[in-house]
C-alpha atoms as a PDB file:
ATOM      1  CA  MET A   1       0.004  -0.048  -0.023  1.00  0.00           C
ATOM      2  CA  ARG A   2       1.285   3.435  -0.725  1.00  0.00           C
ATOM      3  CA  MET A   3      -0.080   6.716   0.734  1.00  0.00           C
ATOM      4  CA  GLN A   4       0.513  10.007  -0.929  1.00  0.00           C
ATOM      5  CA  ALA A   5       0.116  13.476   0.745  1.00  0.00           C
ATOM      6  CA  CYS A   6      -0.910  16.369  -1.625  1.00  0.00           C
ATOM      7  CA  LEU A   7      -0.416  19.996  -0.916  1.00  0.00           C
ATOM      8  CA  GLN A   8      -3.319  22.358  -1.441  1.00  0.00           C
ATOM      9  CA  GLU A   9      -0.778  24.802  -3.289  1.00  0.00           C
ATOM     10  CA  PRO A  10       1.234  23.545  -6.205  1.00  0.00           C
ATOM     11  CA  HIS A  11       4.919  22.990  -5.217  1.00  0.00           C
ATOM     12  CA  GLU A  12       7.391  21.056  -7.310  1.00  0.00           C
ATOM     13  CA  ARG A  13       8.642  18.251  -5.215  1.00  0.00           C
ATOM     14  CA  THR A  14      11.217  15.873  -6.624  1.00  0.00           C
ATOM     15  CA  ALA A  15      12.476  13.359  -4.047  1.00  0.00           C
ATOM     16  CA  HIS A  16      11.157   9.869  -3.725  1.00  0.00           C
ATOM     17  CA  LEU A  17      12.319   8.197  -0.599  1.00  0.00           C
ATOM     18  CA  ILE A  18      11.949   4.422   0.003  1.00  0.00           C
ATOM     19  CA  SER A  19      13.201   2.730   3.212  1.00  0.00           C
ATOM     20  CA  GLU A  20      12.748  -0.484   5.135  1.00  0.00           C
ATOM     21  CA  SER A  21      12.028   1.539   8.269  1.00  0.00           C
ATOM     22  CA  PRO A  22       8.767   3.380   9.135  1.00  0.00           C
ATOM     23  CA  ALA A  23      10.911   6.284  10.181  1.00  0.00           C
ATOM     24  CA  ILE A  24      10.932   7.149   6.457  1.00  0.00           C
ATOM     25  CA  LEU A  25       7.413   8.559   6.820  1.00  0.00           C
ATOM     26  CA  SER A  26       8.455  11.322   9.037  1.00  0.00           C
ATOM     27  CA  ARG A  27      10.367  12.895   6.199  1.00  0.00           C
ATOM     28  CA  ILE A  28       7.162  13.649   3.993  1.00  0.00           C
ATOM     29  CA  ASN A  29       7.061  17.330   5.212  1.00  0.00           C
ATOM     30  CA  GLU A  30      10.543  17.916   4.011  1.00  0.00           C
ATOM     31  CA  PRO A  31      10.290  20.716   1.225  1.00  0.00           C
ATOM     32  CA  ASP A  32      11.733  18.659  -1.571  1.00  0.00           C
ATOM     33  CA  VAL A  33      10.055  15.198  -0.762  1.00  0.00           C
ATOM     34  CA  ASN A  34       7.258  14.229  -3.136  1.00  0.00           C
ATOM     35  CA  ILE A  35       6.585  10.609  -1.627  1.00  0.00           C
ATOM     36  CA  CYS A  36       7.789   8.585   1.191  1.00  0.00           C
ATOM     37  CA  ILE A  37       7.568   4.808   0.826  1.00  0.00           C
ATOM     38  CA  TRP A  38       8.116   2.317   3.621  1.00  0.00           C
ATOM     39  CA  GLN A  39       8.777  -1.076   2.196  1.00  0.00           C
ATOM     40  CA  ARG A  40       8.700  -4.116   4.594  1.00  0.00           C
ATOM     41  CA  LEU A  41       8.546  -7.763   4.439  1.00  0.00           C
ATOM     42  CA  PRO A  42       5.020  -9.183   4.336  1.00  0.00           C
ATOM     43  CA  ILE A  43       3.267 -10.284   7.420  1.00  0.00           C
ATOM     44  CA  ASP A  44       2.203 -14.059   6.887  1.00  0.00           C
ATOM     45  CA  GLN A  45      -1.500 -13.528   7.716  1.00  0.00           C
ATOM     46  CA  ILE A  46      -1.695 -10.535   5.472  1.00  0.00           C
ATOM     47  CA  ASP A  47       0.241 -12.288   2.677  1.00  0.00           C
ATOM     48  CA  GLY A  48      -2.353 -15.201   2.746  1.00  0.00           C
ATOM     49  CA  GLU A  49      -5.139 -12.743   2.424  1.00  0.00           C
ATOM     50  CA  LEU A  50      -3.614 -10.937  -0.627  1.00  0.00           C
ATOM     51  CA  VAL A  51      -2.005 -14.044  -2.443  1.00  0.00           C
ATOM     52  CA  PRO A  52      -5.360 -15.086  -4.184  1.00  0.00           C
ATOM     53  CA  LEU A  53      -5.620 -11.538  -5.912  1.00  0.00           C
ATOM     54  CA  ARG A  54      -4.682 -11.039  -9.231  1.00  0.00           C
ATOM     55  CA  PRO A  55      -3.834  -7.414 -10.661  1.00  0.00           C
ATOM     56  CA  ARG A  56      -7.176  -7.248 -12.354  1.00  0.00           C
ATOM     57  CA  ASP A  57      -8.872  -7.704  -8.858  1.00  0.00           C
ATOM     58  CA  LEU A  58      -7.475  -4.402  -7.713  1.00  0.00           C
ATOM     59  CA  PRO A  59      -7.119  -1.858 -10.569  1.00  0.00           C
ATOM     60  CA  ASP A  60      -5.683   1.534  -9.979  1.00  0.00           C
ATOM     61  CA  VAL A  61      -8.185   2.795  -7.392  1.00  0.00           C
ATOM     62  CA  ARG A  62      -7.848   5.759  -5.019  1.00  0.00           C
ATOM     63  CA  CYS A  63      -9.789   7.733  -2.435  1.00  0.00           C
ATOM     64  CA  HIS A  64      -9.267  10.670  -0.490  1.00  0.00           C
ATOM     65  CA  CYS A  65      -9.664   9.979   3.164  1.00  0.00           C
ATOM     66  CA  SER A  66      -8.807  10.998   6.654  1.00  0.00           C
ATOM     67  CA  LEU A  67      -7.865   9.012   9.783  1.00  0.00           C
ATOM     68  CA  ASN A  68     -11.493   9.351  10.944  1.00  0.00           C
ATOM     69  CA  ASN A  69     -12.888   7.597   7.832  1.00  0.00           C
ATOM     70  CA  PHE A  70      -9.873   5.420   7.010  1.00  0.00           C
ATOM     71  CA  ASP A  71     -11.409   1.955   7.537  1.00  0.00           C
ATOM     72  CA  ALA A  72     -14.544   2.906   5.857  1.00  0.00           C
ATOM     73  CA  ALA A  73     -12.819   4.232   2.821  1.00  0.00           C
ATOM     74  CA  ILE A  74     -10.806   1.072   2.340  1.00  0.00           C
ATOM     75  CA  THR A  75     -13.935  -0.964   3.024  1.00  0.00           C
ATOM     76  CA  GLY A  76     -15.691   1.026   0.536  1.00  0.00           C
ATOM     77  CA  LEU A  77     -12.814   0.650  -1.988  1.00  0.00           C
ATOM     78  CA  LEU A  78     -12.910  -3.202  -1.685  1.00  0.00           C
ATOM     79  CA  ALA A  79     -16.750  -3.330  -1.905  1.00  0.00           C
ATOM     80  CA  ARG A  80     -16.770  -1.443  -5.162  1.00  0.00           C
ATOM     81  CA  GLN A  81     -14.291  -4.126  -6.556  1.00  0.00           C
ATOM     82  CA  GLY A  82     -16.643  -6.826  -5.428  1.00  0.00           C
ATOM     83  CA  LEU A  83     -14.374  -7.791  -2.581  1.00  0.00           C
ATOM     84  CA  SER A  84     -15.423  -8.589   1.040  1.00  0.00           C
ATOM     85  CA  ALA A  85     -13.869  -6.623   3.631  1.00  0.00           C
ATOM     86  CA  ASP A  86     -14.115  -9.560   6.131  1.00  0.00           C
ATOM     87  CA  VAL A  87     -11.835 -11.745   3.894  1.00  0.00           C
ATOM     88  CA  PHE A  88      -9.080  -8.874   4.419  1.00  0.00           C
ATOM     89  CA  LYS A  89      -9.348  -8.380   8.139  1.00  0.00           C
ATOM     90  CA  TYR A  90      -5.613  -8.466   9.016  1.00  0.00           C
ATOM     91  CA  TRP A  91      -4.746  -6.492   6.023  1.00  0.00           C
ATOM     92  CA  ARG A  92      -7.239  -3.612   6.823  1.00  0.00           C
ATOM     93  CA  GLU A  93      -6.080  -3.682  10.493  1.00  0.00           C
ATOM     94  CA  ASP A  94      -2.351  -3.268   9.281  1.00  0.00           C
ATOM     95  CA  LEU A  95      -3.366  -0.605   7.025  1.00  0.00           C
ATOM     96  CA  LEU A  96      -5.111   1.313   9.666  1.00  0.00           C
ATOM     97  CA  ASN A  97      -2.034   0.938  12.038  1.00  0.00           C
ATOM     98  CA  ILE A  98       0.002   2.356   9.265  1.00  0.00           C
ATOM     99  CA  ALA A  99      -2.526   5.183   8.865  1.00  0.00           C
ATOM    100  CA  ARG A 100      -2.476   5.978  12.679  1.00  0.00           C
ATOM    101  CA  ALA A 101       1.364   6.470  12.283  1.00  0.00           C
ATOM    102  CA  TYR A 102       1.215   8.293   8.920  1.00  0.00           C
ATOM    103  CA  PHE A 103      -1.807  10.801   9.181  1.00  0.00           C
ATOM    104  CA  PRO A 104      -0.342  12.894  12.046  1.00  0.00           C
ATOM    105  CA  LEU A 105       2.833  13.441  10.040  1.00  0.00           C
ATOM    106  CA  THR A 106       0.810  15.083   7.245  1.00  0.00           C
ATOM    107  CA  LYS A 107      -0.189  17.992   9.243  1.00  0.00           C
ATOM    108  CA  GLY A 108      -3.529  18.233   7.643  1.00  0.00           C
ATOM    109  CA  LEU A 109      -2.440  17.684   4.010  1.00  0.00           C
ATOM    110  CA  ARG A 110      -5.046  16.066   1.908  1.00  0.00           C
ATOM    111  CA  VAL A 111      -4.211  12.259   1.759  1.00  0.00           C
ATOM    112  CA  THR A 112      -4.989   9.894  -1.218  1.00  0.00           C
ATOM    113  CA  VAL A 113      -4.742   6.260  -0.552  1.00  0.00           C
ATOM    114  CA  ARG A 114      -4.013   4.232  -3.621  1.00  0.00           C
END
């Protein structure tokens, strides 16, 4: 999963930062940073939920959200793809934990989940 923070005013950002540590997310507010990606090894339970999916099952879908409506937004994205949110229990919980760490770092910037 990738989260992107968008500024309300246009500003050219160029840096794309990738790390195996969640600490990379704290750099999103640096002036020249466009995107921060935390890459980590898959968690077995989540890997098991996602293995059956094919690329066509999850096309490029996005939604704007906040921490307050995050789980509902993800559940809605799954439903629009004909997927049961109950099947992805651990994945959704993990995404919510990531959102809890990430959203405070955005300082109110609009967030798009893709």
